[in-house]
C-alpha cells in the first residue's frame, strides 16, 4: 500500500507534467512568439510552487522520523536554491 505523502507528491508531479505538455501544445497552437513567451513565463511560476509543495508534503510525511532541526536545514536549502536562481 502506498503512503499518502507519496501519492500526493506523485499526483502533483503528474499534474505539473501534464500542464507542461498542455502548455507546449498551446504554444504550438498560438504560433506567435509573444504569446508563447507569456505562456512560458506562466510556467516559470509553476515549477517552484511544485517544488515547494512536493517537498512540504514529503517532509510532513516523514516528520515523525526526522528532527525539527533537519527539517529547517532542508527548508534553508530550498531557500538557498531560490536565492541562487534569482541572482
PDB file of N, CA and C in Angstrom:
ATOM      1  N   UNK A   1       0.842  -1.183   0.000  1.00  0.00           N
ATOM      2  CA  UNK A   1       0.000   0.000   0.000  1.00  0.00           C
ATOM      3  C   UNK A   1       0.886   1.245   0.000  1.00  0.00           C
ATOM      4  N   UNK A   2       0.520   2.206  -0.812  1.00  0.00           N
ATOM      5  CA  UNK A   2       1.310   3.433  -0.932  1.00  0.00           C
ATOM      6  C   UNK A   2       0.983   4.406   0.198  1.00  0.00           C
ATOM      7  N   UNK A   3       2.003   5.125   0.625  1.00  0.00           N
ATOM      8  CA  UNK A   3       1.791   6.167   1.632  1.00  0.00           C
ATOM      9  C   UNK A   3       1.061   7.347   1.010  1.00  0.00           C
ATOM     10  N   UNK A   4       0.284   8.047   1.828  1.00  0.00           N
ATOM     11  CA  UNK A   4      -0.469   9.202   1.336  1.00  0.00           C
ATOM     12  C   UNK A   4       0.461  10.294   0.806  1.00  0.00           C
ATOM     13  N   UNK A   5       1.585  10.480   1.482  1.00  0.00           N
ATOM     14  CA  UNK A   5       2.533  11.514   1.056  1.00  0.00           C
ATOM     15  C   UNK A   5       3.093  11.189  -0.322  1.00  0.00           C
ATOM     16  N   UNK A   6       3.378   9.922  -0.571  1.00  0.00           N
ATOM     17  CA  UNK A   6       3.917   9.507  -1.871  1.00  0.00           C
ATOM     18  C   UNK A   6       2.880   9.754  -2.963  1.00  0.00           C
ATOM     19  N   UNK A   7       1.639   9.394  -2.687  1.00  0.00           N
ATOM     20  CA  UNK A   7       0.564   9.599  -3.667  1.00  0.00           C
ATOM     21  C   UNK A   7       0.385  11.092  -3.940  1.00  0.00           C
ATOM     22  N   UNK A   8       0.427  11.904  -2.900  1.00  0.00           N
ATOM     23  CA  UNK A   8       0.281  13.351  -3.070  1.00  0.00           C
ATOM     24  C   UNK A   8       1.406  13.954  -3.891  1.00  0.00           C
ATOM     25  N   UNK A   9       2.628  13.533  -3.597  1.00  0.00           N
ATOM     26  CA  UNK A   9       3.780  14.051  -4.334  1.00  0.00           C
ATOM     27  C   UNK A   9       3.711  13.637  -5.796  1.00  0.00           C
ATOM     28  N   UNK A  10       3.380  12.378  -6.034  1.00  0.00           N
ATOM     29  CA  UNK A  10       3.286  11.885  -7.414  1.00  0.00           C
ATOM     30  C   UNK A  10       2.163  12.593  -8.165  1.00  0.00           C
ATOM     31  N   UNK A  11       1.043  12.801  -7.491  1.00  0.00           N
ATOM     32  CA  UNK A  11      -0.094  13.478  -8.139  1.00  0.00           C
ATOM     33  C   UNK A  11       0.287  14.898  -8.546  1.00  0.00           C
ATOM     34  N   UNK A  12       0.985  15.607  -7.675  1.00  0.00           N
ATOM     35  CA  UNK A  12       1.421  16.965  -8.023  1.00  0.00           C
ATOM     36  C   UNK A  12       2.364  16.958  -9.220  1.00  0.00           C
ATOM     37  N   UNK A  13       3.281  16.021  -9.247  1.00  0.00           N
ATOM     38  CA  UNK A  13       4.232  15.932 -10.367  1.00  0.00           C
ATOM     39  C   UNK A  13       3.530  15.545 -11.666  1.00  0.00           C
ATOM     40  N   UNK A  14       2.540  14.663 -11.587  1.00  0.00           N
ATOM     41  CA  UNK A  14       1.773  14.293 -12.787  1.00  0.00           C
ATOM     42  C   UNK A  14       0.997  15.501 -13.311  1.00  0.00           C
ATOM     43  N   UNK A  15       0.368  16.242 -12.386  1.00  0.00           N
ATOM     44  CA  UNK A  15      -0.371  17.446 -12.807  1.00  0.00           C
ATOM     45  C   UNK A  15       0.576  18.481 -13.407  1.00  0.00           C
ATOM     46  N   UNK A  16       1.732  18.663 -12.792  1.00  0.00           N
ATOM     47  CA  UNK A  16       2.706  19.622 -13.291  1.00  0.00           C
ATOM     48  C   UNK A  16       3.198  19.228 -14.677  1.00  0.00           C
ATOM     49  N   UNK A  17       3.516  17.957 -14.850  1.00  0.00           N
ATOM     50  CA  UNK A  17       3.980  17.471 -16.147  1.00  0.00           C
ATOM     51  C   UNK A  17       2.904  17.597 -17.217  1.00  0.00           C
ATOM     52  N   UNK A  18       1.666  17.307 -16.839  1.00  0.00           N
ATOM     53  CA  UNK A  18       0.550  17.444 -17.785  1.00  0.00           C
ATOM     54  C   UNK A  18       0.370  18.900 -18.196  1.00  0.00           C
ATOM     55  N   UNK A  19       0.522  19.796 -17.229  1.00  0.00           N
ATOM     56  CA  UNK A  19       0.422  21.221 -17.526  1.00  0.00           C
ATOM     57  C   UNK A  19       1.521  21.655 -18.491  1.00  0.00           C
ATOM     58  N   UNK A  20       2.722  21.132 -18.306  1.00  0.00           N
ATOM     59  CA  UNK A  20       3.842  21.447 -19.202  1.00  0.00           C
ATOM     60  C   UNK A  20       3.538  20.983 -20.627  1.00  0.00           C
ATOM     61  N   UNK A  21       3.015  19.767 -20.762  1.00  0.00           N
ATOM     62  CA  UNK A  21       2.691  19.237 -22.094  1.00  0.00           C
ATOM     63  C   UNK A  21       1.578  20.059 -22.732  1.00  0.00           C
ATOM     64  N   UNK A  22       0.544  20.379 -21.950  1.00  0.00           N
ATOM     65  CA  UNK A  22      -0.554  21.189 -22.490  1.00  0.00           C
ATOM     66  C   UNK A  22      -0.072  22.579 -22.916  1.00  0.00           C
ATOM     67  N   UNK A  23       0.817  23.152 -22.118  1.00  0.00           N
ATOM     68  CA  UNK A  23       1.354  24.469 -22.469  1.00  0.00           C
ATOM     69  C   UNK A  23       2.162  24.380 -23.766  1.00  0.00           C
ATOM     70  N   UNK A  24       2.931  23.319 -23.935  1.00  0.00           N
ATOM     71  CA  UNK A  24       3.705  23.150 -25.177  1.00  0.00           C
ATOM     72  C   UNK A  24       2.776  23.035 -26.375  1.00  0.00           C
ATOM     73  N   UNK A  25       1.706  22.284 -26.225  1.00  0.00           N
ATOM     74  CA  UNK A  25       0.737  22.164 -27.325  1.00  0.00           C
ATOM     75  C   UNK A  25       0.057  23.503 -27.610  1.00  0.00           C
ATOM     76  N   UNK A  26      -0.240  24.238 -26.557  1.00  0.00           N
ATOM     77  CA  UNK A  26      -0.871  25.549 -26.728  1.00  0.00           C
ATOM     78  C   UNK A  26       0.088  26.524 -27.412  1.00  0.00           C
ATOM     79  N   UNK A  27       1.369  26.456 -27.064  1.00  0.00           N
ATOM     80  CA  UNK A  27       2.369  27.304 -27.727  1.00  0.00           C
ATOM     81  C   UNK A  27       2.387  27.009 -29.222  1.00  0.00           C
ATOM     82  N   UNK A  28       2.344  25.727 -29.554  1.00  0.00           N
ATOM     83  CA  UNK A  28       2.305  25.360 -30.973  1.00  0.00           C
ATOM     84  C   UNK A  28       1.038  25.871 -31.653  1.00  0.00           C
ATOM     85  N   UNK A  29      -0.063  25.838 -30.922  1.00  0.00           N
ATOM     86  CA  UNK A  29      -1.335  26.277 -31.500  1.00  0.00           C
ATOM     87  C   UNK A  29      -1.357  27.785 -31.751  1.00  0.00           C
ATOM     88  N   UNK A  30      -0.880  28.584 -30.789  1.00  0.00           N
ATOM     89  CA  UNK A  30      -0.932  30.048 -30.964  1.00  0.00           C
ATOM     90  C   UNK A  30       0.050  30.521 -32.026  1.00  0.00           C
ATOM     91  N   UNK A  31       1.176  29.843 -32.150  1.00  0.00           N
ATOM     92  CA  UNK A  31       2.143  30.118 -33.221  1.00  0.00           C
ATOM     93  C   UNK A  31       2.582  31.579 -33.285  1.00  0.00           C
ATOM     94  N   UNK A  32       2.706  32.210 -32.125  1.00  0.00           N
ATOM     95  CA  UNK A  32       3.186  33.599 -32.043  1.00  0.00           C
ATOM     96  C   UNK A  32       4.203  33.673 -30.904  1.00  0.00           C
ATOM     97  N   UNK A  33       5.334  34.282 -31.186  1.00  0.00           N
ATOM     98  CA  UNK A  33       6.416  34.347 -30.205  1.00  0.00           C
ATOM     99  C   UNK A  33       5.992  35.085 -28.943  1.00  0.00           C
ATOM    100  N   UNK A  34       5.290  36.197 -29.095  1.00  0.00           N
ATOM    101  CA  UNK A  34       4.894  36.992 -27.927  1.00  0.00           C
ATOM    102  C   UNK A  34       4.000  36.184 -26.995  1.00  0.00           C
ATOM    103  N   UNK A  35       3.003  35.502 -27.569  1.00  0.00           N
ATOM    104  CA  UNK A  35       2.092  34.702 -26.750  1.00  0.00           C
ATOM    105  C   UNK A  35       2.806  33.487 -26.168  1.00  0.00           C
ATOM    106  N   UNK A  36       3.711  32.918 -26.943  1.00  0.00           N
ATOM    107  CA  UNK A  36       4.477  31.768 -26.461  1.00  0.00           C
ATOM    108  C   UNK A  36       5.320  32.153 -25.250  1.00  0.00           C
ATOM    109  N   UNK A  37       5.904  33.342 -25.283  1.00  0.00           N
ATOM    110  CA  UNK A  37       6.696  33.808 -24.147  1.00  0.00           C
ATOM    111  C   UNK A  37       5.832  34.039 -22.915  1.00  0.00           C
ATOM    112  N   UNK A  38       4.617  34.534 -23.113  1.00  0.00           N
ATOM    113  CA  UNK A  38       3.697  34.718 -21.990  1.00  0.00           C
ATOM    114  C   UNK A  38       3.334  33.375 -21.358  1.00  0.00           C
ATOM    115  N   UNK A  39       3.047  32.393 -22.195  1.00  0.00           N
ATOM    116  CA  UNK A  39       2.729  31.055 -21.695  1.00  0.00           C
ATOM    117  C   UNK A  39       3.925  30.486 -20.942  1.00  0.00           C
ATOM    118  N   UNK A  40       5.098  30.628 -21.505  1.00  0.00           N
ATOM    119  CA  UNK A  40       6.320  30.132 -20.876  1.00  0.00           C
ATOM    120  C   UNK A  40       6.585  30.827 -19.543  1.00  0.00           C
ATOM    121  N   UNK A  41       6.318  32.115 -19.479  1.00  0.00           N
ATOM    122  CA  UNK A  41       6.507  32.859 -18.227  1.00  0.00           C
ATOM    123  C   UNK A  41       5.569  32.356 -17.145  1.00  0.00           C
ATOM    124  N   UNK A  42       4.359  32.041 -17.533  1.00  0.00           N
ATOM    125  CA  UNK A  42       3.417  31.484 -16.564  1.00  0.00           C
ATOM    126  C   UNK A  42       3.903  30.161 -16.010  1.00  0.00           C
ATOM    127  N   UNK A  43       4.501  29.349 -16.865  1.00  0.00           N
ATOM    128  CA  UNK A  43       5.028  28.062 -16.420  1.00  0.00           C
ATOM    129  C   UNK A  43       6.223  28.235 -15.483  1.00  0.00           C
ATOM    130  N   UNK A  44       6.951  29.313 -15.659  1.00  0.00           N
ATOM    131  CA  UNK A  44       8.121  29.551 -14.809  1.00  0.00           C
ATOM    132  C   UNK A  44       7.717  29.719 -13.344  1.00  0.00           C
ATOM    133  N   UNK A  45       6.477  30.106 -13.108  1.00  0.00           N
ATOM    134  CA  UNK A  45       5.991  30.256 -11.735  1.00  0.00           C
ATOM    135  C   UNK A  45       5.501  28.923 -11.171  1.00  0.00           C
ATOM    136  N   UNK A  46       5.087  28.022 -12.034  1.00  0.00           N
ATOM    137  CA  UNK A  46       4.545  26.740 -11.586  1.00  0.00           C
ATOM    138  C   UNK A  46       5.642  25.840 -11.021  1.00  0.00           C
ATOM    139  N   UNK A  47       6.792  25.799 -11.680  1.00  0.00           N
ATOM    140  CA  UNK A  47       7.884  24.913 -11.250  1.00  0.00           C
ATOM    141  C   UNK A  47       8.284  25.083  -9.794  1.00  0.00           C
ATOM    142  N   UNK A  48       8.598  26.302  -9.363  1.00  0.00           N
ATOM    143  CA  UNK A  48       8.969  26.492  -7.957  1.00  0.00           C
ATOM    144  C   UNK A  48       7.846  26.148  -6.983  1.00  0.00           C
ATOM    145  N   UNK A  49       6.607  26.425  -7.370  1.00  0.00           N
ATOM    146  CA  UNK A  49       5.485  26.087  -6.492  1.00  0.00           C
ATOM    147  C   UNK A  49       5.348  24.578  -6.334  1.00  0.00           C
ATOM    148  N   UNK A  50       5.565  23.852  -7.412  1.00  0.00           N
ATOM    149  CA  UNK A  50       5.500  22.388  -7.342  1.00  0.00           C
ATOM    150  C   UNK A  50       6.652  21.867  -6.486  1.00  0.00           C
ATOM    151  N   UNK A  51       7.843  22.436  -6.648  1.00  0.00           N
ATOM    152  CA  UNK A  51       8.990  22.041  -5.825  1.00  0.00           C
ATOM    153  C   UNK A  51       8.678  22.229  -4.344  1.00  0.00           C
ATOM    154  N   UNK A  52       8.190  23.393  -3.977  1.00  0.00           N
ATOM    155  CA  UNK A  52       7.867  23.672  -2.578  1.00  0.00           C
ATOM    156  C   UNK A  52       6.770  22.742  -2.073  1.00  0.00           C
ATOM    157  N   UNK A  53       5.740  22.544  -2.886  1.00  0.00           N
ATOM    158  CA  UNK A  53       4.608  21.715  -2.461  1.00  0.00           C
ATOM    159  C   UNK A  53       5.013  20.265  -2.262  1.00  0.00           C
ATOM    160  N   UNK A  54       5.743  19.704  -3.222  1.00  0.00           N
ATOM    161  CA  UNK A  54       6.133  18.302  -3.093  1.00  0.00           C
ATOM    162  C   UNK A  54       7.111  18.101  -1.932  1.00  0.00           C
ATOM    163  N   UNK A  55       8.014  19.047  -1.743  1.00  0.00           N
ATOM    164  CA  UNK A  55       8.948  18.953  -0.618  1.00  0.00           C
ATOM    165  C   UNK A  55       8.211  19.045   0.706  1.00  0.00           C
ATOM    166  N   UNK A  56       7.255  19.952   0.783  1.00  0.00           N
ATOM    167  CA  UNK A  56       6.469  20.106   2.010  1.00  0.00           C
ATOM    168  C   UNK A  56       5.685  18.839   2.316  1.00  0.00           C
ATOM    169  N   UNK A  57       5.040  18.276   1.301  1.00  0.00           N
ATOM    170  CA  UNK A  57       4.288  17.033   1.507  1.00  0.00           C
ATOM    171  C   UNK A  57       5.227  15.921   1.978  1.00  0.00           C
ATOM    172  N   UNK A  58       6.387  15.813   1.340  1.00  0.00           N
ATOM    173  CA  UNK A  58       7.353  14.791   1.735  1.00  0.00           C
ATOM    174  C   UNK A  58       7.838  14.969   3.158  1.00  0.00           C
ATOM    175  N   UNK A  59       8.116  16.208   3.541  1.00  0.00           N
ATOM    176  CA  UNK A  59       8.595  16.461   4.897  1.00  0.00           C
ATOM    177  C   UNK A  59       7.512  16.199   5.936  1.00  0.00           C
ATOM    178  N   UNK A  60       6.285  16.535   5.603  1.00  0.00           N
ATOM    179  CA  UNK A  60       5.183  16.247   6.526  1.00  0.00           C
ATOM    180  C   UNK A  60       5.031  14.735   6.674  1.00  0.00           C
ATOM    181  N   UNK A  61       5.190  14.033   5.554  1.00  0.00           N
ATOM    182  CA  UNK A  61       5.071  12.586   5.586  1.00  0.00           C
ATOM    183  C   UNK A  61       6.135  11.899   6.416  1.00  0.00           C
ATOM    184  N   UNK A  62       7.291  12.508   6.527  1.00  0.00           N
ATOM    185  CA  UNK A  62       8.355  11.880   7.321  1.00  0.00           C
ATOM    186  C   UNK A  62       8.709  12.688   8.562  1.00  0.00           C
ATOM    187  N   UNK A  63       7.834  13.596   8.962  1.00  0.00           N
ATOM    188  CA  UNK A  63       8.116  14.459  10.109  1.00  0.00           C
ATOM    189  C   UNK A  63       8.269  13.679  11.405  1.00  0.00           C
ATOM    190  N   UNK A  64       7.656  12.507  11.479  1.00  0.00           N
ATOM    191  CA  UNK A  64       7.801  11.709  12.694  1.00  0.00           C
ATOM    192  C   UNK A  64       9.128  10.963  12.731  1.00  0.00           C
ATOM    193  N   UNK A  65       9.859  10.947  11.618  1.00  0.00           N
ATOM    194  CA  UNK A  65      11.117  10.193  11.537  1.00  0.00           C
ATOM    195  C   UNK A  65      12.362  11.075  11.573  1.00  0.00           C
ATOM    196  N   UNK A  66      12.205  12.392  11.340  1.00  0.00           N
ATOM    197  CA  UNK A  66      13.377  13.273  11.360  1.00  0.00           C
ATOM    198  C   UNK A  66      13.144  14.415  12.341  1.00  0.00           C
ATOM    199  N   UNK A  67      14.231  14.986  12.794  1.00  0.00           N
ATOM    200  CA  UNK A  67      14.139  16.051  13.788  1.00  0.00           C
ATOM    201  C   UNK A  67      13.716  17.376  13.144  1.00  0.00           C
ATOM    202  N   UNK A  68      13.215  18.252  13.987  1.00  0.00           N
ATOM    203  CA  UNK A  68      12.812  19.582  13.538  1.00  0.00           C
ATOM    204  C   UNK A  68      13.998  20.337  12.951  1.00  0.00           C
ATOM    205  N   UNK A  69      15.171  20.166  13.543  1.00  0.00           N
ATOM    206  CA  UNK A  69      16.373  20.851  13.050  1.00  0.00           C
ATOM    207  C   UNK A  69      16.696  20.426  11.617  1.00  0.00           C
ATOM    208  N   UNK A  70      16.552  19.146  11.309  1.00  0.00           N
ATOM    209  CA  UNK A  70      16.820  18.678   9.950  1.00  0.00           C
ATOM    210  C   UNK A  70      15.798  19.234   8.967  1.00  0.00           C
ATOM    211  N   UNK A  71      14.551  19.335   9.400  1.00  0.00           N
ATOM    212  CA  UNK A  71      13.521  19.934   8.538  1.00  0.00           C
ATOM    213  C   UNK A  71      13.886  21.381   8.219  1.00  0.00           C
ATOM    214  N   UNK A  72      14.365  22.107   9.223  1.00  0.00           N
ATOM    215  CA  UNK A  72      14.758  23.502   8.996  1.00  0.00           C
ATOM    216  C   UNK A  72      15.947  23.581   8.035  1.00  0.00           C
ATOM    217  N   UNK A  73      16.901  22.661   8.146  1.00  0.00           N
ATOM    218  CA  UNK A  73      18.036  22.638   7.216  1.00  0.00           C
ATOM    219  C   UNK A  73      17.563  22.400   5.785  1.00  0.00           C
ATOM    220  N   UNK A  74      16.593  21.529   5.626  1.00  0.00           N
ATOM    221  CA  UNK A  74      16.063  21.253   4.289  1.00  0.00           C
ATOM    222  C   UNK A  74      15.399  22.505   3.725  1.00  0.00           C
ATOM    223  N   UNK A  75      14.575  23.171   4.533  1.00  0.00           N
ATOM    224  CA  UNK A  75      13.936  24.397   4.053  1.00  0.00           C
ATOM    225  C   UNK A  75      14.959  25.497   3.772  1.00  0.00           C
ATOM    226  N   UNK A  76      16.009  25.561   4.580  1.00  0.00           N
ATOM    227  CA  UNK A  76      17.074  26.528   4.318  1.00  0.00           C
ATOM    228  C   UNK A  76      17.751  26.227   2.984  1.00  0.00           C
ATOM    229  N   UNK A  77      17.934  24.947   2.689  1.00  0.00           N
ATOM    230  CA  UNK A  77      18.499  24.555   1.394  1.00  0.00           C
ATOM    231  C   UNK A  77      17.608  24.985   0.234  1.00  0.00           C
ATOM    232  N   UNK A  78      16.308  24.853   0.397  1.00  0.00           N
ATOM    233  CA  UNK A  78      15.368  25.282  -0.645  1.00  0.00           C
ATOM    234  C   UNK A  78      15.451  26.793  -0.836  1.00  0.00           C
ATOM    235  N   UNK A  79      15.532  27.513   0.268  1.00  0.00           N
ATOM    236  CA  UNK A  79      15.679  28.983   0.178  1.00  0.00           C
ATOM    237  C   UNK A  79      16.958  29.329  -0.574  1.00  0.00           C
ATOM    238  N   UNK A  80      18.034  28.620  -0.287  1.00  0.00           N
ATOM    239  CA  UNK A  80      19.301  28.864  -0.991  1.00  0.00           C
ATOM    240  C   UNK A  80      19.166  28.615  -2.489  1.00  0.00           C
ATOM    241  N   UNK A  81      18.419  27.592  -2.859  1.00  0.00           N
ATOM    242  CA  UNK A  81      18.177  27.312  -4.287  1.00  0.00           C
ATOM    243  C   UNK A  81      17.483  28.509  -4.936  1.00  0.00           C
ATOM    244  N   UNK A  82      16.428  29.001  -4.280  1.00  0.00           N
ATOM    245  CA  UNK A  82      15.692  30.137  -4.848  1.00  0.00           C
ATOM    246  C   UNK A  82      16.548  31.400  -4.915  1.00  0.00           C
ATOM    247  N   UNK A  83      17.336  31.656  -3.904  1.00  0.00           N
ATOM    248  CA  UNK A  83      18.217  32.821  -3.923  1.00  0.00           C
ATOM    249  C   UNK A  83      19.251  32.683  -5.032  1.00  0.00           C
ATOM    250  N   UNK A  84      19.819  31.510  -5.179  1.00  0.00           N
ATOM    251  CA  UNK A  84      20.839  31.274  -6.203  1.00  0.00           C
ATOM    252  C   UNK A  84      20.289  31.410  -7.610  1.00  0.00           C
ATOM    253  N   UNK A  85      19.068  30.999  -7.812  1.00  0.00           N
ATOM    254  CA  UNK A  85      18.454  31.096  -9.133  1.00  0.00           C
ATOM    255  C   UNK A  85      18.088  32.530  -9.470  1.00  0.00           C
ATOM    256  N   UNK A  86      17.706  33.297  -8.503  1.00  0.00           N
ATOM    257  CA  UNK A  86      17.270  34.679  -8.742  1.00  0.00           C
ATOM    258  C   UNK A  86      18.427  35.627  -9.035  1.00  0.00           C
ATOM    259  N   UNK A  87      19.588  35.343  -8.550  1.00  0.00           N
ATOM    260  CA  UNK A  87      20.711  36.294  -8.692  1.00  0.00           C
ATOM    261  C   UNK A  87      21.483  36.049  -9.952  1.00  0.00           C
TER     262      UNK A  87
END
